[in-house]
PDB file of N, CA and C in Angstrom:
ATOM      1  N   MET A   1      34.591  84.041 -17.079  1.00  0.00           N
ATOM      2  CA  MET A   1      33.338  83.832 -17.563  1.00  0.00           C
ATOM      3  C   MET A   1      32.759  85.217 -17.852  1.00  0.00           C
ATOM      4  N   GLN A   2      32.073  85.267 -18.971  1.00  0.00           N
ATOM      5  CA  GLN A   2      31.169  86.423 -19.102  1.00  0.00           C
ATOM      6  C   GLN A   2      29.947  86.632 -18.340  1.00  0.00           C
ATOM      7  N   GLY A   3      29.554  87.701 -17.836  1.00  0.00           N
ATOM      8  CA  GLY A   3      28.374  87.893 -17.004  1.00  0.00           C
ATOM      9  C   GLY A   3      27.080  87.191 -17.513  1.00  0.00           C
ATOM     10  N   LEU A   4      26.833  87.252 -18.694  1.00  0.00           N
ATOM     11  CA  LEU A   4      25.677  86.479 -19.293  1.00  0.00           C
ATOM     12  C   LEU A   4      25.809  84.933 -19.407  1.00  0.00           C
ATOM     13  N   GLU A   5      27.050  84.501 -19.418  1.00  0.00           N
ATOM     14  CA  GLU A   5      27.188  82.912 -19.572  1.00  0.00           C
ATOM     15  C   GLU A   5      26.544  82.291 -18.165  1.00  0.00           C
ATOM     16  N   VAL A   6      26.454  83.073 -17.123  1.00  0.00           N
ATOM     17  CA  VAL A   6      25.807  82.406 -16.017  1.00  0.00           C
ATOM     18  C   VAL A   6      24.526  81.962 -16.425  1.00  0.00           C
ATOM     19  N   PHE A   7      23.751  82.744 -17.127  1.00  0.00           N
ATOM     20  CA  PHE A   7      22.343  82.417 -17.605  1.00  0.00           C
ATOM     21  C   PHE A   7      22.358  81.155 -18.535  1.00  0.00           C
ATOM     22  N   GLY A   8      23.477  81.028 -19.189  1.00  0.00           N
ATOM     23  CA  GLY A   8      23.610  79.880 -20.064  1.00  0.00           C
ATOM     24  C   GLY A   8      23.900  78.647 -19.218  1.00  0.00           C
ATOM     25  N   PHE A   9      24.508  78.775 -18.067  1.00  0.00           N
ATOM     26  CA  PHE A   9      24.833  77.514 -17.138  1.00  0.00           C
ATOM     27  C   PHE A   9      23.489  77.168 -16.377  1.00  0.00           C
ATOM     28  N   ILE A  10      22.768  78.460 -15.991  1.00  0.00           N
ATOM     29  CA  ILE A  10      21.334  78.171 -15.182  1.00  0.00           C
ATOM     30  C   ILE A  10      20.419  77.406 -16.084  1.00  0.00           C
ATOM     31  N   GLY A  11      20.239  78.112 -17.215  1.00  0.00           N
ATOM     32  CA  GLY A  11      19.096  77.586 -18.248  1.00  0.00           C
ATOM     33  C   GLY A  11      19.617  76.231 -18.679  1.00  0.00           C
ATOM     34  N   GLY A  12      20.674  75.720 -18.904  1.00  0.00           N
ATOM     35  CA  GLY A  12      21.295  74.525 -19.319  1.00  0.00           C
ATOM     36  C   GLY A  12      21.046  73.507 -18.117  1.00  0.00           C
ATOM     37  N   ALA A  13      21.336  73.951 -17.004  1.00  0.00           N
ATOM     38  CA  ALA A  13      21.081  72.944 -15.896  1.00  0.00           C
ATOM     39  C   ALA A  13      19.682  72.616 -15.614  1.00  0.00           C
ATOM     40  N   LEU A  14      18.725  73.576 -15.780  1.00  0.00           N
ATOM     41  CA  LEU A  14      17.269  73.369 -15.483  1.00  0.00           C
ATOM     42  C   LEU A  14      16.810  72.386 -16.707  1.00  0.00           C
ATOM     43  N   ILE A  15      17.023  72.885 -17.958  1.00  0.00           N
ATOM     44  CA  ILE A  15      16.647  71.916 -19.074  1.00  0.00           C
ATOM     45  C   ILE A  15      17.232  70.517 -19.036  1.00  0.00           C
ATOM     46  N   THR A  16      18.495  70.316 -18.607  1.00  0.00           N
ATOM     47  CA  THR A  16      19.151  69.132 -18.633  1.00  0.00           C
ATOM     48  C   THR A  16      18.377  68.382 -17.383  1.00  0.00           C
ATOM     49  N   ALA A  17      18.194  68.864 -16.326  1.00  0.00           N
ATOM     50  CA  ALA A  17      17.625  68.264 -15.080  1.00  0.00           C
ATOM     51  C   ALA A  17      16.132  67.822 -15.315  1.00  0.00           C
ATOM     52  N   GLY A  18      15.585  68.524 -16.259  1.00  0.00           N
ATOM     53  CA  GLY A  18      14.250  67.960 -16.739  1.00  0.00           C
ATOM     54  C   GLY A  18      14.179  66.886 -17.314  1.00  0.00           C
ATOM     55  N   PHE A  19      15.310  66.227 -17.958  1.00  0.00           N
ATOM     56  CA  PHE A  19      15.213  65.113 -18.797  1.00  0.00           C
ATOM     57  C   PHE A  19      15.585  63.795 -17.742  1.00  0.00           C
ATOM     58  N   ILE A  20      16.218  64.058 -16.651  1.00  0.00           N
ATOM     59  CA  ILE A  20      16.668  63.080 -15.797  1.00  0.00           C
ATOM     60  C   ILE A  20      15.447  62.251 -15.117  1.00  0.00           C
ATOM     61  N   PRO A  21      14.426  62.841 -14.692  1.00  0.00           N
ATOM     62  CA  PRO A  21      13.281  61.933 -14.130  1.00  0.00           C
ATOM     63  C   PRO A  21      12.728  61.178 -15.222  1.00  0.00           C
ATOM     64  N   GLN A  22      12.601  61.642 -16.538  1.00  0.00           N
ATOM     65  CA  GLN A  22      11.769  61.002 -17.473  1.00  0.00           C
ATOM     66  C   GLN A  22      12.766  59.947 -17.844  1.00  0.00           C
ATOM     67  N   VAL A  23      14.205  59.974 -17.964  1.00  0.00           N
ATOM     68  CA  VAL A  23      15.049  58.841 -18.222  1.00  0.00           C
ATOM     69  C   VAL A  23      14.705  57.616 -17.196  1.00  0.00           C
ATOM     70  N   ILE A  24      14.888  58.166 -15.888  1.00  0.00           N
ATOM     71  CA  ILE A  24      14.674  57.212 -14.744  1.00  0.00           C
ATOM     72  C   ILE A  24      13.451  56.458 -14.708  1.00  0.00           C
ATOM     73  N   ARG A  25      12.350  57.175 -15.037  1.00  0.00           N
ATOM     74  CA  ARG A  25      10.936  56.712 -15.046  1.00  0.00           C
ATOM     75  C   ARG A  25      10.825  55.519 -16.203  1.00  0.00           C
ATOM     76  N   VAL A  26      11.417  55.924 -17.630  1.00  0.00           N
ATOM     77  CA  VAL A  26      11.347  54.867 -18.571  1.00  0.00           C
ATOM     78  C   VAL A  26      12.024  53.637 -18.129  1.00  0.00           C
ATOM     79  N   TYR A  27      13.292  53.781 -17.514  1.00  0.00           N
ATOM     80  CA  TYR A  27      14.042  52.424 -17.279  1.00  0.00           C
ATOM     81  C   TYR A  27      13.388  51.696 -16.100  1.00  0.00           C
ATOM     82  N   LYS A  28      12.917  52.524 -15.182  1.00  0.00           N
ATOM     83  CA  LYS A  28      12.236  52.027 -14.140  1.00  0.00           C
ATOM     84  C   LYS A  28      10.967  51.088 -14.316  1.00  0.00           C
ATOM     85  N   LEU A  29       9.972  51.782 -15.220  1.00  0.00           N
ATOM     86  CA  LEU A  29       8.974  51.090 -15.831  1.00  0.00           C
ATOM     87  C   LEU A  29       9.107  50.215 -16.911  1.00  0.00           C
ATOM     88  N   LYS A  30      10.277  50.301 -17.486  1.00  0.00           N
ATOM     89  CA  LYS A  30      10.632  49.638 -18.771  1.00  0.00           C
ATOM     90  C   LYS A  30       9.430  49.730 -19.667  1.00  0.00           C
ATOM     91  N   SER A  31       9.110  50.978 -19.975  1.00  0.00           N
ATOM     92  CA  SER A  31       7.993  51.271 -20.810  1.00  0.00           C
ATOM     93  C   SER A  31       8.256  52.693 -21.278  1.00  0.00           C
ATOM     94  N   ALA A  32       8.143  52.924 -22.666  1.00  0.00           N
ATOM     95  CA  ALA A  32       8.557  54.056 -23.224  1.00  0.00           C
ATOM     96  C   ALA A  32       7.416  54.365 -24.381  1.00  0.00           C
ATOM     97  N   ARG A  33       6.256  53.597 -24.285  1.00  0.00           N
ATOM     98  CA  ARG A  33       5.168  54.006 -25.353  1.00  0.00           C
ATOM     99  C   ARG A  33       4.661  55.507 -25.305  1.00  0.00           C
ATOM    100  N   GLU A  34       4.633  56.132 -24.211  1.00  0.00           N
ATOM    101  CA  GLU A  34       4.141  57.469 -24.252  1.00  0.00           C
ATOM    102  C   GLU A  34       5.340  58.409 -24.628  1.00  0.00           C
ATOM    103  N   ILE A  35       6.504  57.936 -25.011  1.00  0.00           N
ATOM    104  CA  ILE A  35       7.508  58.857 -25.426  1.00  0.00           C
ATOM    105  C   ILE A  35       7.390  58.842 -26.860  1.00  0.00           C
ATOM    106  N   SER A  36       7.370  59.932 -27.664  1.00  0.00           N
ATOM    107  CA  SER A  36       7.459  59.918 -29.019  1.00  0.00           C
ATOM    108  C   SER A  36       8.602  59.741 -29.512  1.00  0.00           C
ATOM    109  N   LEU A  37       8.744  58.880 -30.582  1.00  0.00           N
ATOM    110  CA  LEU A  37      10.280  58.597 -31.258  1.00  0.00           C
ATOM    111  C   LEU A  37      10.535  59.853 -32.139  1.00  0.00           C
ATOM    112  N   THR A  38       9.655  60.631 -32.676  1.00  0.00           N
ATOM    113  CA  THR A  38       9.921  61.881 -33.391  1.00  0.00           C
ATOM    114  C   THR A  38      10.404  62.891 -32.524  1.00  0.00           C
ATOM    115  N   PHE A  39       9.954  62.915 -31.353  1.00  0.00           N
ATOM    116  CA  PHE A  39      10.513  63.940 -30.285  1.00  0.00           C
ATOM    117  C   PHE A  39      11.837  63.661 -30.009  1.00  0.00           C
ATOM    118  N   THR A  40      11.961  62.338 -29.639  1.00  0.00           N
ATOM    119  CA  THR A  40      13.428  61.791 -29.166  1.00  0.00           C
ATOM    120  C   THR A  40      14.517  62.127 -30.271  1.00  0.00           C
ATOM    121  N   VAL A  41      14.304  61.690 -31.458  1.00  0.00           N
ATOM    122  CA  VAL A  41      15.231  61.780 -32.429  1.00  0.00           C
ATOM    123  C   VAL A  41      15.342  63.301 -32.744  1.00  0.00           C
ATOM    124  N   MET A  42      14.560  64.224 -32.811  1.00  0.00           N
ATOM    125  CA  MET A  42      14.658  65.710 -33.072  1.00  0.00           C
ATOM    126  C   MET A  42      15.292  66.286 -31.874  1.00  0.00           C
ATOM    127  N   MET A  43      15.173  65.762 -30.713  1.00  0.00           N
ATOM    128  CA  MET A  43      16.001  66.363 -29.491  1.00  0.00           C
ATOM    129  C   MET A  43      17.441  65.973 -29.524  1.00  0.00           C
ATOM    130  N   LEU A  44      17.699  64.716 -30.090  1.00  0.00           N
ATOM    131  CA  LEU A  44      19.025  64.275 -30.100  1.00  0.00           C
ATOM    132  C   LEU A  44      19.786  65.203 -31.315  1.00  0.00           C
ATOM    133  N   ILE A  45      19.148  65.183 -32.418  1.00  0.00           N
ATOM    134  CA  ILE A  45      19.772  66.042 -33.696  1.00  0.00           C
ATOM    135  C   ILE A  45      19.727  67.641 -33.011  1.00  0.00           C
ATOM    136  N   GLY A  46      18.915  68.023 -32.457  1.00  0.00           N
ATOM    137  CA  GLY A  46      19.042  69.352 -32.017  1.00  0.00           C
ATOM    138  C   GLY A  46      20.270  69.480 -31.096  1.00  0.00           C
ATOM    139  N   SER A  47      20.275  68.748 -29.996  1.00  0.00           N
ATOM    140  CA  SER A  47      21.408  68.679 -29.174  1.00  0.00           C
ATOM    141  C   SER A  47      22.669  68.495 -29.694  1.00  0.00           C
ATOM    142  N   VAL A  48      22.878  67.993 -30.748  1.00  0.00           N
ATOM    143  CA  VAL A  48      24.216  67.789 -31.434  1.00  0.00           C
ATOM    144  C   VAL A  48      24.255  69.031 -32.367  1.00  0.00           C
ATOM    145  N   ALA A  49      23.360  69.474 -32.879  1.00  0.00           N
ATOM    146  CA  ALA A  49      23.532  70.857 -33.505  1.00  0.00           C
ATOM    147  C   ALA A  49      24.010  72.045 -32.364  1.00  0.00           C
ATOM    148  N   TRP A  50      23.249  72.057 -31.246  1.00  0.00           N
ATOM    149  CA  TRP A  50      23.587  73.105 -30.275  1.00  0.00           C
ATOM    150  C   TRP A  50      25.039  72.873 -29.893  1.00  0.00           C
ATOM    151  N   LEU A  51      25.530  71.531 -29.502  1.00  0.00           N
ATOM    152  CA  LEU A  51      26.950  71.300 -29.101  1.00  0.00           C
ATOM    153  C   LEU A  51      27.807  71.947 -30.253  1.00  0.00           C
ATOM    154  N   THR A  52      27.499  71.589 -31.461  1.00  0.00           N
ATOM    155  CA  THR A  52      28.411  71.989 -32.635  1.00  0.00           C
ATOM    156  C   THR A  52      28.601  73.519 -32.487  1.00  0.00           C
ATOM    157  N   TYR A  53      27.382  74.273 -32.384  1.00  0.00           N
ATOM    158  CA  TYR A  53      27.355  75.695 -32.160  1.00  0.00           C
ATOM    159  C   TYR A  53      28.118  76.183 -30.935  1.00  0.00           C
ATOM    160  N   GLY A  54      28.123  75.455 -29.812  1.00  0.00           N
ATOM    161  CA  GLY A  54      28.952  75.812 -28.594  1.00  0.00           C
ATOM    162  C   GLY A  54      30.330  75.543 -28.748  1.00  0.00           C
ATOM    163  N   ILE A  55      30.738  74.577 -29.400  1.00  0.00           N
ATOM    164  CA  ILE A  55      32.210  74.328 -29.885  1.00  0.00           C
ATOM    165  C   ILE A  55      32.619  75.200 -30.435  1.00  0.00           C
ATOM    166  N   SER A  56      31.866  75.660 -31.606  1.00  0.00           N
ATOM    167  CA  SER A  56      32.457  76.652 -32.794  1.00  0.00           C
ATOM    168  C   SER A  56      32.637  77.931 -32.054  1.00  0.00           C
ATOM    169  N   LEU A  57      31.646  78.505 -31.058  1.00  0.00           N
ATOM    170  CA  LEU A  57      31.916  79.545 -30.531  1.00  0.00           C
ATOM    171  C   LEU A  57      32.479  79.648 -28.965  1.00  0.00           C
ATOM    172  N   ARG A  58      32.921  78.410 -28.725  1.00  0.00           N
ATOM    173  CA  ARG A  58      33.667  78.178 -27.545  1.00  0.00           C
ATOM    174  C   ARG A  58      32.747  78.787 -26.262  1.00  0.00           C
ATOM    175  N   LEU A  59      31.579  78.412 -26.219  1.00  0.00           N
ATOM    176  CA  LEU A  59      30.471  78.592 -25.065  1.00  0.00           C
ATOM    177  C   LEU A  59      30.550  77.613 -24.192  1.00  0.00           C
ATOM    178  N   PRO A  60      31.116  77.791 -23.019  1.00  0.00           N
ATOM    179  CA  PRO A  60      31.211  76.544 -22.081  1.00  0.00           C
ATOM    180  C   PRO A  60      29.894  75.979 -21.480  1.00  0.00           C
ATOM    181  N   SER A  61      28.842  76.872 -21.418  1.00  0.00           N
ATOM    182  CA  SER A  61      27.650  76.295 -20.880  1.00  0.00           C
ATOM    183  C   SER A  61      26.885  75.537 -22.029  1.00  0.00           C
ATOM    184  N   VAL A  62      27.159  76.015 -23.176  1.00  0.00           N
ATOM    185  CA  VAL A  62      26.477  75.218 -24.192  1.00  0.00           C
ATOM    186  C   VAL A  62      26.949  73.935 -24.552  1.00  0.00           C
ATOM    187  N   MET A  63      28.271  73.913 -24.516  1.00  0.00           N
ATOM    188  CA  MET A  63      29.229  72.612 -24.650  1.00  0.00           C
ATOM    189  C   MET A  63      28.856  71.777 -23.492  1.00  0.00           C
ATOM    190  N   LEU A  64      28.818  72.315 -22.258  1.00  0.00           N
ATOM    191  CA  LEU A  64      28.612  71.313 -21.152  1.00  0.00           C
ATOM    192  C   LEU A  64      27.289  70.711 -21.204  1.00  0.00           C
ATOM    193  N   TRP A  65      26.117  71.369 -21.199  1.00  0.00           N
ATOM    194  CA  TRP A  65      24.762  70.927 -21.094  1.00  0.00           C
ATOM    195  C   TRP A  65      24.398  70.117 -22.251  1.00  0.00           C
ATOM    196  N   ASN A  66      24.919  70.557 -23.437  1.00  0.00           N
ATOM    197  CA  ASN A  66      24.339  69.731 -24.561  1.00  0.00           C
ATOM    198  C   ASN A  66      25.190  68.344 -24.558  1.00  0.00           C
ATOM    199  N   SER A  67      26.391  68.540 -24.205  1.00  0.00           N
ATOM    200  CA  SER A  67      27.039  67.097 -24.046  1.00  0.00           C
ATOM    201  C   SER A  67      26.298  66.185 -23.160  1.00  0.00           C
ATOM    202  N   ILE A  68      25.758  66.512 -21.972  1.00  0.00           N
ATOM    203  CA  ILE A  68      25.060  65.892 -21.071  1.00  0.00           C
ATOM    204  C   ILE A  68      23.785  65.481 -21.568  1.00  0.00           C
ATOM    205  N   ASN A  69      23.077  66.426 -22.407  1.00  0.00           N
ATOM    206  CA  ASN A  69      21.670  66.165 -22.947  1.00  0.00           C
ATOM    207  C   ASN A  69      21.847  65.193 -24.046  1.00  0.00           C
ATOM    208  N   ILE A  70      23.000  65.258 -24.712  1.00  0.00           N
ATOM    209  CA  ILE A  70      23.144  64.021 -25.760  1.00  0.00           C
ATOM    210  C   ILE A  70      23.186  62.809 -25.117  1.00  0.00           C
ATOM    211  N   VAL A  71      23.941  62.457 -23.935  1.00  0.00           N
ATOM    212  CA  VAL A  71      23.977  61.190 -23.254  1.00  0.00           C
ATOM    213  C   VAL A  71      22.474  60.976 -22.841  1.00  0.00           C
ATOM    214  N   LEU A  72      21.838  61.929 -22.121  1.00  0.00           N
ATOM    215  CA  LEU A  72      20.494  61.555 -21.811  1.00  0.00           C
ATOM    216  C   LEU A  72      19.379  61.074 -22.738  1.00  0.00           C
ATOM    217  N   VAL A  73      19.412  61.957 -23.837  1.00  0.00           N
ATOM    218  CA  VAL A  73      18.427  61.720 -24.980  1.00  0.00           C
ATOM    219  C   VAL A  73      19.021  60.506 -25.538  1.00  0.00           C
ATOM    220  N   ALA A  74      20.202  60.279 -25.692  1.00  0.00           N
ATOM    221  CA  ALA A  74      20.517  58.749 -26.254  1.00  0.00           C
ATOM    222  C   ALA A  74      20.080  57.668 -25.489  1.00  0.00           C
ATOM    223  N   LEU A  75      20.091  57.763 -24.059  1.00  0.00           N
ATOM    224  CA  LEU A  75      19.536  56.937 -23.138  1.00  0.00           C
ATOM    225  C   LEU A  75      18.010  56.726 -23.394  1.00  0.00           C
ATOM    226  N   LEU A  76      17.278  57.895 -23.589  1.00  0.00           N
ATOM    227  CA  LEU A  76      15.824  57.841 -23.855  1.00  0.00           C
ATOM    228  C   LEU A  76      15.547  57.278 -25.254  1.00  0.00           C
ATOM    229  N   LEU A  77      16.298  57.397 -26.245  1.00  0.00           N
ATOM    230  CA  LEU A  77      16.113  56.852 -27.420  1.00  0.00           C
ATOM    231  C   LEU A  77      16.389  55.350 -27.390  1.00  0.00           C
ATOM    232  N   SER A  78      17.470  54.936 -26.832  1.00  0.00           N
ATOM    233  CA  SER A  78      17.641  53.526 -26.406  1.00  0.00           C
ATOM    234  C   SER A  78      16.327  52.825 -25.818  1.00  0.00           C
ATOM    235  N   ALA A  79      15.926  53.513 -24.795  1.00  0.00           N
ATOM    236  CA  ALA A  79      14.831  53.064 -24.137  1.00  0.00           C
ATOM    237  C   ALA A  79      13.522  52.736 -24.843  1.00  0.00           C
ATOM    238  N   LYS A  80      13.373  53.746 -25.664  1.00  0.00           N
ATOM    239  CA  LYS A  80      12.336  53.999 -26.616  1.00  0.00           C
ATOM    240  C   LYS A  80      12.374  52.793 -27.544  1.00  0.00           C
ATOM    241  N   LEU A  81      13.482  52.495 -28.327  1.00  0.00           N
ATOM    242  CA  LEU A  81      13.669  51.445 -29.003  1.00  0.00           C
ATOM    243  C   LEU A  81      13.658  50.025 -28.348  1.00  0.00           C
ATOM    244  N   LYS A  82      13.910  50.024 -27.085  1.00  0.00           N
ATOM    245  CA  LYS A  82      13.900  48.727 -26.394  1.00  0.00           C
ATOM    246  C   LYS A  82      12.341  48.524 -25.849  1.00  0.00           C
ATOM    247  N   TYR A  83      11.892  49.391 -25.247  1.00  0.00           N
ATOM    248  CA  TYR A  83      10.526  49.309 -24.568  1.00  0.00           C
ATOM    249  C   TYR A  83       9.474  50.007 -25.059  1.00  0.00           C
ATOM    250  N   GLY A  84       9.557  50.555 -26.184  1.00  0.00           N
ATOM    251  CA  GLY A  84       8.481  51.652 -26.833  1.00  0.00           C
ATOM    252  C   GLY A  84       7.482  50.884 -27.628  1.00  0.00           C
ATOM    253  N   LYS A  85       7.251  49.508 -27.642  1.00  0.00           N
ATOM    254  CA  LYS A  85       6.416  48.825 -28.446  1.00  0.00           C
ATOM    255  C   LYS A  85       5.016  49.471 -28.289  1.00  0.00           C
ATOM    256  N   GLU A  86       4.426  49.945 -29.548  1.00  0.00           N
ATOM    257  CA  GLU A  86       3.208  50.465 -29.426  1.00  0.00           C
ATOM    258  C   GLU A  86       1.998  49.461 -29.496  1.00  0.00           C
ATOM    259  N   ALA A  87       1.047  49.522 -28.538  1.00  0.00           N
ATOM    260  CA  ALA A  87      -0.072  48.539 -28.603  1.00  0.00           C
ATOM    261  C   ALA A  87      -0.794  48.421 -30.044  1.00  0.00           C
ATOM    262  N   GLY A  88      -0.957  47.142 -30.246  1.00  0.00           N
ATOM    263  CA  GLY A  88      -1.571  46.809 -31.607  1.00  0.00           C
ATOM    264  C   GLY A  88      -0.754  46.982 -32.967  1.00  0.00           C
ATOM    265  N   ARG A  89       0.595  47.072 -32.755  1.00  0.00           N
ATOM    266  CA  ARG A  89       1.532  47.068 -34.066  1.00  0.00           C
ATOM    267  C   ARG A  89       2.392  46.043 -33.914  1.00  0.00           C
TER     268      ARG A  89
END
């Protein structure tokens, strides 16, 4: 592992860990009204793009954390579609 790759693992772990409480909260409350659909879709597309980049350059930290992020964001998107009914719509 290259010396700078450790920063990729640390940064990826922190960003990924930030999604976990949100996903748990949405499923626990069965409410995703406060989650933006645009944000969620853009995060999913961005994570897929980062994963593609990581695979093409064989960057382990980028591949690992973006694979996990895709799962977490897909869960968030699923919750948004299931529980995200906007009031008055």
